[in-house]
PDB file of N, CA and C in Angstrom:
ATOM      1  N   MET A   1       0.813   7.756 -10.801  1.00  0.00           N
ATOM      2  CA  MET A   1       0.347   7.176  -9.055  1.00  0.00           C
ATOM      3  C   MET A   1      -0.725   6.216  -8.730  1.00  0.00           C
ATOM      4  N   ALA A   2      -2.115   6.706  -9.976  1.00  0.00           N
ATOM      5  CA  ALA A   2      -3.113   5.872  -9.752  1.00  0.00           C
ATOM      6  C   ALA A   2      -2.414   4.737 -10.647  1.00  0.00           C
ATOM      7  N   ASN A   3      -2.181   4.862 -11.154  1.00  0.00           N
ATOM      8  CA  ASN A   3      -1.660   2.922 -11.730  1.00  0.00           C
ATOM      9  C   ASN A   3      -0.999   2.119 -10.656  1.00  0.00           C
ATOM     10  N   GLN A   4      -0.046   3.021 -10.397  1.00  0.00           N
ATOM     11  CA  GLN A   4       0.738   2.299  -8.953  1.00  0.00           C
ATOM     12  C   GLN A   4       0.066   1.206  -8.290  1.00  0.00           C
ATOM     13  N   LEU A   5      -1.636   2.214  -7.906  1.00  0.00           N
ATOM     14  CA  LEU A   5      -2.460   1.244  -6.724  1.00  0.00           C
ATOM     15  C   LEU A   5      -2.758   0.066  -7.222  1.00  0.00           C
ATOM     16  N   PHE A   6      -3.021  -0.477  -8.588  1.00  0.00           N
ATOM     17  CA  PHE A   6      -3.609  -1.124  -8.956  1.00  0.00           C
ATOM     18  C   PHE A   6      -2.159  -2.920  -9.140  1.00  0.00           C
ATOM     19  N   LEU A   7      -1.306  -2.122  -8.659  1.00  0.00           N
ATOM     20  CA  LEU A   7      -0.211  -3.126  -9.004  1.00  0.00           C
ATOM     21  C   LEU A   7       0.099  -4.611  -7.907  1.00  0.00           C
ATOM     22  N   ARG A   8      -0.037  -5.283  -9.220  1.00  0.00           N
ATOM     23  CA  ARG A   8      -0.331  -6.691  -7.868  1.00  0.00           C
ATOM     24  C   ARG A   8       0.786  -6.877  -6.856  1.00  0.00           C
ATOM     25  N   PRO A   9       1.753  -6.781  -6.387  1.00  0.00           N
ATOM     26  CA  PRO A   9       2.271  -6.870  -5.341  1.00  0.00           C
ATOM     27  C   PRO A   9       1.912  -5.820  -3.898  1.00  0.00           C
ATOM     28  N   VAL A  10       1.141  -4.165  -4.422  1.00  0.00           N
ATOM     29  CA  VAL A  10       0.866  -3.239  -3.422  1.00  0.00           C
ATOM     30  C   VAL A  10      -1.135  -3.687  -3.439  1.00  0.00           C
ATOM     31  N   VAL A  11      -1.616  -4.462  -4.224  1.00  0.00           N
ATOM     32  CA  VAL A  11      -2.860  -5.161  -3.746  1.00  0.00           C
ATOM     33  C   VAL A  11      -2.979  -6.281  -2.564  1.00  0.00           C
ATOM     34  N   LEU A  12      -1.932  -7.432  -3.269  1.00  0.00           N
ATOM     35  CA  LEU A  12      -2.122  -8.346  -2.053  1.00  0.00           C
ATOM     36  C   LEU A  12      -1.303  -7.951  -1.324  1.00  0.00           C
ATOM     37  N   THR A  13      -0.480  -7.552  -0.864  1.00  0.00           N
ATOM     38  CA  THR A  13       0.012  -6.793   0.299  1.00  0.00           C
ATOM     39  C   THR A  13      -1.206  -5.914   1.472  1.00  0.00           C
ATOM     40  N   ALA A  14      -1.861  -5.007   0.541  1.00  0.00           N
ATOM     41  CA  ALA A  14      -2.682  -4.413   1.129  1.00  0.00           C
ATOM     42  C   ALA A  14      -3.955  -5.435   2.109  1.00  0.00           C
ATOM     43  N   ILE A  15      -4.622  -6.353   1.126  1.00  0.00           N
ATOM     44  CA  ILE A  15      -5.206  -7.374   1.188  1.00  0.00           C
ATOM     45  C   ILE A  15      -4.260  -8.043   2.596  1.00  0.00           C
ATOM     46  N   LYS A  16      -3.795  -8.651   2.748  1.00  0.00           N
ATOM     47  CA  LYS A  16      -2.580  -9.076   3.640  1.00  0.00           C
ATOM     48  C   LYS A  16      -2.508  -8.234   5.045  1.00  0.00           C
ATOM     49  N   VAL A  17      -2.364  -7.372   4.753  1.00  0.00           N
ATOM     50  CA  VAL A  17      -2.672  -6.391   5.616  1.00  0.00           C
ATOM     51  C   VAL A  17      -3.883  -5.977   6.455  1.00  0.00           C
ATOM     52  N   ALA A  18      -4.576  -6.019   5.756  1.00  0.00           N
ATOM     53  CA  ALA A  18      -5.908  -5.424   6.036  1.00  0.00           C
ATOM     54  C   ALA A  18      -6.682  -6.891   6.665  1.00  0.00           C
ATOM     55  N   LEU A  19      -6.843  -7.586   6.144  1.00  0.00           N
ATOM     56  CA  LEU A  19      -6.827  -9.445   6.767  1.00  0.00           C
ATOM     57  C   LEU A  19      -6.649  -9.349   8.066  1.00  0.00           C
ATOM     58  N   VAL A  20      -5.609  -9.035   8.152  1.00  0.00           N
ATOM     59  CA  VAL A  20      -4.450  -9.614   9.375  1.00  0.00           C
ATOM     60  C   VAL A  20      -5.299  -8.612  10.550  1.00  0.00           C
ATOM     61  N   VAL A  21      -4.633  -6.962  10.851  1.00  0.00           N
ATOM     62  CA  VAL A  21      -5.250  -5.812  10.813  1.00  0.00           C
ATOM     63  C   VAL A  21      -6.911  -6.207  11.384  1.00  0.00           C
ATOM     64  N   GLY A  22      -7.514  -5.861  10.396  1.00  0.00           N
ATOM     65  CA  GLY A  22      -9.174  -5.475  10.367  1.00  0.00           C
ATOM     66  C   GLY A  22      -9.319  -7.068  11.348  1.00  0.00           C
ATOM     67  N   THR A  23      -9.136  -8.279  10.839  1.00  0.00           N
ATOM     68  CA  THR A  23      -9.406  -9.293  11.976  1.00  0.00           C
ATOM     69  C   THR A  23      -9.515  -8.679  13.523  1.00  0.00           C
ATOM     70  N   VAL A  24      -8.046  -8.542  13.710  1.00  0.00           N
ATOM     71  CA  VAL A  24      -7.662  -8.367  15.232  1.00  0.00           C
ATOM     72  C   VAL A  24      -8.304  -6.863  15.505  1.00  0.00           C
ATOM     73  N   LEU A  25      -8.809  -5.644  15.012  1.00  0.00           N
ATOM     74  CA  LEU A  25      -9.408  -5.243  15.616  1.00  0.00           C
ATOM     75  C   LEU A  25     -11.098  -5.219  15.371  1.00  0.00           C
ATOM     76  N   ALA A  26     -11.177  -6.123  14.759  1.00  0.00           N
ATOM     77  CA  ALA A  26     -12.753  -6.114  14.615  1.00  0.00           C
ATOM     78  C   ALA A  26     -13.220  -6.691  15.894  1.00  0.00           C
ATOM     79  N   LEU A  27     -12.097  -8.144  16.278  1.00  0.00           N
ATOM     80  CA  LEU A  27     -12.115  -9.136  17.436  1.00  0.00           C
ATOM     81  C   LEU A  27     -12.378  -8.241  18.619  1.00  0.00           C
ATOM     82  N   ILE A  28     -11.131  -7.012  18.655  1.00  0.00           N
ATOM     83  CA  ILE A  28     -11.448  -6.549  19.406  1.00  0.00           C
ATOM     84  C   ILE A  28     -12.029  -5.455  20.009  1.00  0.00           C
ATOM     85  N   ASN A  29     -13.195  -4.853  19.094  1.00  0.00           N
ATOM     86  CA  ASN A  29     -13.856  -3.618  18.992  1.00  0.00           C
ATOM     87  C   ASN A  29     -15.454  -4.253  19.264  1.00  0.00           C
ATOM     88  N   HIS A  30     -15.849  -5.655  18.653  1.00  0.00           N
ATOM     89  CA  HIS A  30     -16.781  -6.327  18.377  1.00  0.00           C
ATOM     90  C   HIS A  30     -17.139  -7.405  18.529  1.00  0.00           C
ATOM     91  N   GLY A  31     -15.912  -8.297  19.099  1.00  0.00           N
ATOM     92  CA  GLY A  31     -15.634  -9.821  19.929  1.00  0.00           C
ATOM     93  C   GLY A  31     -17.312 -10.087  20.583  1.00  0.00           C
ATOM     94  N   PRO A  32     -17.800  -9.918  21.723  1.00  0.00           N
ATOM     95  CA  PRO A  32     -19.002 -10.637  22.041  1.00  0.00           C
ATOM     96  C   PRO A  32     -19.537 -10.211  21.011  1.00  0.00           C
ATOM     97  N   ALA A  33     -20.366  -9.608  20.216  1.00  0.00           N
ATOM     98  CA  ALA A  33     -21.206  -9.474  19.003  1.00  0.00           C
ATOM     99  C   ALA A  33     -21.167 -10.055  18.170  1.00  0.00           C
ATOM    100  N   LEU A  34     -19.763 -10.393  17.910  1.00  0.00           N
ATOM    101  CA  LEU A  34     -19.681 -11.204  16.457  1.00  0.00           C
ATOM    102  C   LEU A  34     -19.649 -13.039  17.082  1.00  0.00           C
ATOM    103  N   LEU A  35     -19.568 -13.452  18.406  1.00  0.00           N
ATOM    104  CA  LEU A  35     -19.224 -14.232  18.885  1.00  0.00           C
ATOM    105  C   LEU A  35     -20.861 -14.847  18.825  1.00  0.00           C
ATOM    106  N   ALA A  36     -21.599 -14.026  19.032  1.00  0.00           N
ATOM    107  CA  ALA A  36     -23.217 -14.477  19.586  1.00  0.00           C
ATOM    108  C   ALA A  36     -23.713 -13.710  18.209  1.00  0.00           C
ATOM    109  N   LEU A  37     -23.153 -13.723  17.313  1.00  0.00           N
ATOM    110  CA  LEU A  37     -23.837 -13.865  15.963  1.00  0.00           C
ATOM    111  C   LEU A  37     -25.076 -12.748  16.072  1.00  0.00           C
ATOM    112  N   GLU A  38     -24.899 -11.504  16.926  1.00  0.00           N
ATOM    113  CA  GLU A  38     -25.397 -10.285  17.024  1.00  0.00           C
ATOM    114  C   GLU A  38     -25.261  -9.047  16.390  1.00  0.00           C
ATOM    115  N   LEU A  39     -25.277  -9.073  14.785  1.00  0.00           N
ATOM    116  CA  LEU A  39     -24.501  -7.280  14.960  1.00  0.00           C
ATOM    117  C   LEU A  39     -25.655  -6.454  14.612  1.00  0.00           C
ATOM    118  N   SER A  40     -25.600  -5.314  14.353  1.00  0.00           N
ATOM    119  CA  SER A  40     -26.267  -4.104  13.890  1.00  0.00           C
ATOM    120  C   SER A  40     -25.811  -3.865  12.619  1.00  0.00           C
ATOM    121  N   ARG A  41     -26.608  -3.599  11.956  1.00  0.00           N
ATOM    122  CA  ARG A  41     -26.277  -2.388  10.801  1.00  0.00           C
ATOM    123  C   ARG A  41     -25.060  -1.866  11.099  1.00  0.00           C
ATOM    124  N   GLN A  42     -25.455  -0.827  12.083  1.00  0.00           N
ATOM    125  CA  GLN A  42     -23.819   0.193  11.911  1.00  0.00           C
ATOM    126  C   GLN A  42     -22.498  -0.831  12.633  1.00  0.00           C
ATOM    127  N   GLN A  43     -23.032  -2.059  13.399  1.00  0.00           N
ATOM    128  CA  GLN A  43     -21.600  -2.994  13.446  1.00  0.00           C
ATOM    129  C   GLN A  43     -21.039  -3.378  12.493  1.00  0.00           C
ATOM    130  N   ILE A  44     -22.252  -3.768  11.650  1.00  0.00           N
ATOM    131  CA  ILE A  44     -21.346  -4.015  10.156  1.00  0.00           C
ATOM    132  C   ILE A  44     -20.404  -2.800   9.487  1.00  0.00           C
ATOM    133  N   LEU A  45     -21.305  -2.142   9.694  1.00  0.00           N
ATOM    134  CA  LEU A  45     -20.412  -0.847   9.558  1.00  0.00           C
ATOM    135  C   LEU A  45     -19.098  -0.692   9.560  1.00  0.00           C
ATOM    136  N   GLN A  46     -18.995  -0.632  10.602  1.00  0.00           N
ATOM    137  CA  GLN A  46     -17.956  -0.092  11.325  1.00  0.00           C
ATOM    138  C   GLN A  46     -17.151  -1.191  10.934  1.00  0.00           C
ATOM    139  N   ILE A  47     -17.456  -2.770  10.881  1.00  0.00           N
ATOM    140  CA  ILE A  47     -16.091  -3.993  10.954  1.00  0.00           C
ATOM    141  C   ILE A  47     -15.862  -3.077   9.931  1.00  0.00           C
ATOM    142  N   ALA A  48     -17.180  -3.075   8.482  1.00  0.00           N
ATOM    143  CA  ALA A  48     -15.977  -3.388   7.139  1.00  0.00           C
ATOM    144  C   ALA A  48     -15.667  -2.114   7.016  1.00  0.00           C
ATOM    145  N   LEU A  49     -15.745  -0.849   8.093  1.00  0.00           N
ATOM    146  CA  LEU A  49     -14.542   0.378   7.638  1.00  0.00           C
ATOM    147  C   LEU A  49     -13.099  -0.459   7.956  1.00  0.00           C
ATOM    148  N   THR A  50     -13.113  -1.423   9.578  1.00  0.00           N
ATOM    149  CA  THR A  50     -12.186  -1.142  10.216  1.00  0.00           C
ATOM    150  C   THR A  50     -11.582  -2.300   9.249  1.00  0.00           C
ATOM    151  N   TYR A  51     -11.608  -2.680   8.054  1.00  0.00           N
ATOM    152  CA  TYR A  51     -10.908  -3.430   7.206  1.00  0.00           C
ATOM    153  C   TYR A  51     -10.575  -2.486   6.350  1.00  0.00           C
ATOM    154  N   LEU A  52     -10.782  -1.479   6.327  1.00  0.00           N
ATOM    155  CA  LEU A  52     -10.868  -0.948   4.819  1.00  0.00           C
ATOM    156  C   LEU A  52      -9.842  -0.136   4.961  1.00  0.00           C
ATOM    157  N   VAL A  53      -9.453   1.081   6.521  1.00  0.00           N
ATOM    158  CA  VAL A  53      -8.497   1.954   6.832  1.00  0.00           C
ATOM    159  C   VAL A  53      -7.532   1.219   6.580  1.00  0.00           C
ATOM    160  N   PRO A  54      -6.443  -0.369   6.772  1.00  0.00           N
ATOM    161  CA  PRO A  54      -5.670  -0.735   7.073  1.00  0.00           C
ATOM    162  C   PRO A  54      -5.417  -0.698   5.373  1.00  0.00           C
ATOM    163  N   TYR A  55      -6.634  -1.291   4.643  1.00  0.00           N
ATOM    164  CA  TYR A  55      -6.104  -1.507   3.440  1.00  0.00           C
ATOM    165  C   TYR A  55      -5.560  -0.234   2.665  1.00  0.00           C
ATOM    166  N   GLY A  56      -6.202   0.780   3.102  1.00  0.00           N
ATOM    167  CA  GLY A  56      -6.195   2.228   2.178  1.00  0.00           C
ATOM    168  C   GLY A  56      -4.461   2.435   3.056  1.00  0.00           C
ATOM    169  N   VAL A  57      -3.945   2.310   4.370  1.00  0.00           N
ATOM    170  CA  VAL A  57      -3.239   2.803   4.869  1.00  0.00           C
ATOM    171  C   VAL A  57      -1.938   1.913   4.164  1.00  0.00           C
ATOM    172  N   SER A  58      -1.820   1.098   4.028  1.00  0.00           N
ATOM    173  CA  SER A  58      -1.351  -0.276   2.942  1.00  0.00           C
ATOM    174  C   SER A  58      -0.954   0.309   2.097  1.00  0.00           C
ATOM    175  N   THR A  59      -2.043   0.159   1.892  1.00  0.00           N
ATOM    176  CA  THR A  59      -1.596   1.072  -0.480  1.00  0.00           C
ATOM    177  C   THR A  59      -1.540   2.458  -0.683  1.00  0.00           C
ATOM    178  N   TYR A  60      -0.937   3.280   0.719  1.00  0.00           N
ATOM    179  CA  TYR A  60      -0.397   4.576   0.644  1.00  0.00           C
ATOM    180  C   TYR A  60       0.606   4.183   0.905  1.00  0.00           C
ATOM    181  N   SER A  61       1.095   3.454   1.921  1.00  0.00           N
ATOM    182  CA  SER A  61       2.241   3.600   1.984  1.00  0.00           C
ATOM    183  C   SER A  61       3.171   2.640   0.778  1.00  0.00           C
ATOM    184  N   SER A  62       2.804   1.757   0.248  1.00  0.00           N
ATOM    185  CA  SER A  62       2.924   1.346  -0.807  1.00  0.00           C
ATOM    186  C   SER A  62       4.146   2.386  -1.723  1.00  0.00           C
ATOM    187  N   VAL A  63       2.820   2.730  -2.490  1.00  0.00           N
ATOM    188  CA  VAL A  63       3.083   3.437  -3.237  1.00  0.00           C
ATOM    189  C   VAL A  63       3.397   4.659  -3.306  1.00  0.00           C
ATOM    190  N   LYS A  64       3.716   5.119  -1.672  1.00  0.00           N
ATOM    191  CA  LYS A  64       4.921   6.318  -1.364  1.00  0.00           C
ATOM    192  C   LYS A  64       5.737   5.816  -1.431  1.00  0.00           C
ATOM    193  N   MET A  65       6.175   5.002  -1.119  1.00  0.00           N
ATOM    194  CA  MET A  65       7.407   3.890  -1.210  1.00  0.00           C
ATOM    195  C   MET A  65       7.969   3.741  -2.898  1.00  0.00           C
ATOM    196  N   LEU A  66       7.332   3.617  -3.459  1.00  0.00           N
ATOM    197  CA  LEU A  66       7.692   3.053  -5.049  1.00  0.00           C
ATOM    198  C   LEU A  66       7.697   4.452  -5.683  1.00  0.00           C
ATOM    199  N   LYS A  67       6.645   5.894  -5.140  1.00  0.00           N
ATOM    200  CA  LYS A  67       6.911   6.503  -6.136  1.00  0.00           C
ATOM    201  C   LYS A  67       8.803   7.488  -5.297  1.00  0.00           C
ATOM    202  N   ASN A  68       8.995   7.188  -3.992  1.00  0.00           N
ATOM    203  CA  ASN A  68      10.488   7.223  -3.426  1.00  0.00           C
ATOM    204  C   ASN A  68      11.484   7.196  -4.189  1.00  0.00           C
ATOM    205  N   GLN A  69      11.358   6.181  -4.722  1.00  0.00           N
ATOM    206  CA  GLN A  69      12.985   4.814  -5.235  1.00  0.00           C
ATOM    207  C   GLN A  69      13.219   6.102  -6.313  1.00  0.00           C
ATOM    208  N   PRO A  70      14.539   5.671  -5.869  1.00  0.00           N
ATOM    209  CA  PRO A  70      15.369   6.197  -7.331  1.00  0.00           C
ATOM    210  C   PRO A  70      15.321   6.044  -8.669  1.00  0.00           C
ATOM    211  N   VAL A  71      14.733   6.627  -9.866  1.00  0.00           N
ATOM    212  CA  VAL A  71      14.841   5.728 -10.787  1.00  0.00           C
ATOM    213  C   VAL A  71      15.542   5.060 -11.362  1.00  0.00           C
ATOM    214  N   ARG A  72      15.637   3.956 -11.603  1.00  0.00           N
ATOM    215  CA  ARG A  72      16.379   3.179 -11.998  1.00  0.00           C
ATOM    216  C   ARG A  72      16.901   2.873 -14.114  1.00  0.00           C
ATOM    217  N   PRO A  73      17.792   3.667 -14.901  1.00  0.00           N
ATOM    218  CA  PRO A  73      17.568   3.279 -16.158  1.00  0.00           C
ATOM    219  C   PRO A  73      17.905   1.890 -16.922  1.00  0.00           C
ATOM    220  N   HIS A  74      16.973   1.954 -17.573  1.00  0.00           N
ATOM    221  CA  HIS A  74      17.321   0.562 -18.333  1.00  0.00           C
ATOM    222  C   HIS A  74      18.242   0.150 -18.657  1.00  0.00           C
ATOM    223  N   ASN A  75      18.662  -1.326 -18.551  1.00  0.00           N
ATOM    224  CA  ASN A  75      19.712  -1.848 -19.217  1.00  0.00           C
ATOM    225  C   ASN A  75      19.809  -1.552 -20.599  1.00  0.00           C
ATOM    226  N   THR A  76      20.855  -0.905 -21.508  1.00  0.00           N
ATOM    227  CA  THR A  76      20.405  -0.502 -22.738  1.00  0.00           C
ATOM    228  C   THR A  76      21.779  -1.536 -23.451  1.00  0.00           C
ATOM    229  N   GLN A  77      22.420  -2.482 -23.183  1.00  0.00           N
ATOM    230  CA  GLN A  77      23.446  -3.131 -23.374  1.00  0.00           C
ATOM    231  C   GLN A  77      22.734  -3.914 -23.887  1.00  0.00           C
ATOM    232  N   ALA A  78      23.088  -4.223 -25.411  1.00  0.00           N
ATOM    233  CA  ALA A  78      22.450  -5.826 -26.418  1.00  0.00           C
ATOM    234  C   ALA A  78      22.882  -6.785 -26.153  1.00  0.00           C
TER     235      ALA A  78
END
């Protein structure tokens, strides 16, 4: 399972999801402070977590899907 965490499609999908969902949530939760460029350390940490959570959820769901796929035998025809 651990090696699937770093598969290129898993990582790229998770990054895309995190960027979209994280940005929307950061704007909803911290919009005025972001626009005013007045962020506390706590808000910066919260925004970082806002991006990490969707990354983790996307990674988990992708790996779970890969793990649940039936194993296909390799084509052994010469």
